[in-house]
Amino acid sequence: MQADAQERAGRSLDRARVALEAHMSEQALAELRQALALVADLPEARQLQARALLNQQKPRLALAALDAHDMYAPEARDDYEVARLRIEALVG
């Protein structure tokens, strides 16, 4: 069961990446909601969620996504991309 959820979440992540590359933030967020409903501790999904929210000019929600990222992946808190997204959210 858990392997199936991981696989389905992975497919949603793939679709979210494609949607973000196509500048379809709303579609990306929908896919990310599906992925996170299946597997809550997906740090990459939280990063993509922050990116999509920043694309929509929603920096506070992006910061909330990054806070969730840090909760599930504290060891990755200082990763370059996470820090860059956080700075963009704070400045924007």
Protein backbone atom coordinates (compact mmCIF):
# COMPACT_ATOMS: atom_id res chain seq x y z
CA MET A 1 0.00 0.00 0.00
CA GLN A 2 2.70 2.50 0.97
CA ALA A 3 4.73 1.68 -2.14
CA ASP A 4 1.65 2.37 -4.27
CA ALA A 5 1.13 5.75 -2.56
CA GLN A 6 4.80 6.63 -3.11
CA GLU A 7 4.52 5.71 -6.78
CA ARG A 8 1.33 7.73 -7.29
CA ALA A 9 2.86 10.68 -5.43
CA GLY A 10 5.92 10.43 -7.68
CA ARG A 11 3.74 10.63 -10.78
CA SER A 12 1.98 13.70 -9.36
CA LEU A 13 5.39 15.28 -8.69
CA ASP A 14 6.41 14.62 -12.30
CA ARG A 15 3.22 16.26 -13.58
CA ALA A 16 3.78 19.20 -11.22
CA ARG A 17 7.30 19.74 -12.58
CA VAL A 18 5.99 19.73 -16.15
CA ALA A 19 3.20 22.16 -15.22
CA LEU A 20 5.68 24.54 -13.56
CA GLU A 21 7.96 24.45 -16.60
CA ALA A 22 4.91 25.35 -18.71
CA HIS A 23 4.12 28.28 -16.35
CA MET A 24 0.92 26.56 -15.18
CA SER A 25 1.23 27.22 -11.45
CA GLU A 26 -2.37 26.39 -10.60
CA GLN A 27 -2.11 22.98 -12.29
CA ALA A 28 1.21 22.38 -10.53
CA LEU A 29 -0.34 23.20 -7.16
CA ALA A 30 -3.22 20.80 -7.82
CA GLU A 31 -0.75 18.00 -8.58
CA LEU A 32 1.29 18.87 -5.51
CA ARG A 33 -1.80 18.75 -3.30
CA GLN A 34 -2.46 15.24 -4.61
CA ALA A 35 1.13 14.16 -3.99
CA LEU A 36 1.17 15.58 -0.47
CA ALA A 37 -2.19 14.01 0.37
CA LEU A 38 -0.61 10.66 -0.46
CA VAL A 39 2.79 11.23 1.17
CA ALA A 40 3.11 14.28 3.43
CA ASP A 41 6.88 14.12 3.89
CA LEU A 42 8.01 14.93 0.35
CA PRO A 43 10.56 17.76 0.63
CA GLU A 44 10.73 18.21 -3.13
CA ALA A 45 6.96 18.70 -3.28
CA ARG A 46 7.24 21.45 -0.65
CA GLN A 47 9.96 23.18 -2.68
CA LEU A 48 7.89 22.98 -5.87
CA GLN A 49 4.88 24.22 -3.93
CA ALA A 50 6.89 27.25 -2.76
CA ARG A 51 8.03 27.95 -6.33
CA ALA A 52 4.46 27.76 -7.68
CA LEU A 53 3.18 30.03 -4.92
CA LEU A 54 5.92 32.56 -5.59
CA ASN A 55 4.94 32.48 -9.26
CA GLN A 56 1.46 33.47 -8.10
CA GLN A 57 2.81 36.32 -5.96
CA LYS A 58 1.93 34.56 -2.69
CA PRO A 59 5.13 34.85 -0.63
CA ARG A 60 3.53 34.14 2.77
CA LEU A 61 2.10 30.85 1.54
CA ALA A 62 5.46 30.05 -0.05
CA LEU A 63 7.13 30.59 3.32
CA ALA A 64 4.59 28.26 4.92
CA ALA A 65 5.46 25.60 2.33
CA LEU A 66 9.16 26.06 3.10
CA ASP A 67 8.46 25.79 6.84
CA ALA A 68 6.71 22.47 6.16
CA HIS A 69 9.73 21.44 4.08
CA ASP A 70 12.00 22.17 7.03
CA MET A 71 9.76 20.21 9.39
CA TYR A 72 9.94 17.07 7.22
CA ALA A 73 13.56 17.52 6.08
CA PRO A 74 15.49 19.51 8.69
CA GLU A 75 18.78 18.26 7.26
CA ALA A 76 17.98 20.03 3.96
CA ARG A 77 16.96 23.33 5.55
CA ASP A 78 20.11 25.11 4.40
CA ASP A 79 20.19 23.69 0.87
CA TYR A 80 20.85 26.33 -1.76
CA GLU A 81 17.47 26.07 -3.50
CA VAL A 82 15.54 26.20 -0.23
CA ALA A 83 17.50 29.26 0.90
CA ARG A 84 17.02 30.93 -2.48
CA LEU A 85 13.26 30.37 -2.38
CA ARG A 86 13.09 31.66 1.20
CA ILE A 87 15.01 34.83 0.28
CA GLU A 88 12.79 35.39 -2.74
CA ALA A 89 9.70 35.03 -0.56
CA LEU A 90 11.03 37.41 2.09
CA VAL A 91 12.15 40.04 -0.41
CA GLY A 92 9.15 39.71 -2.72
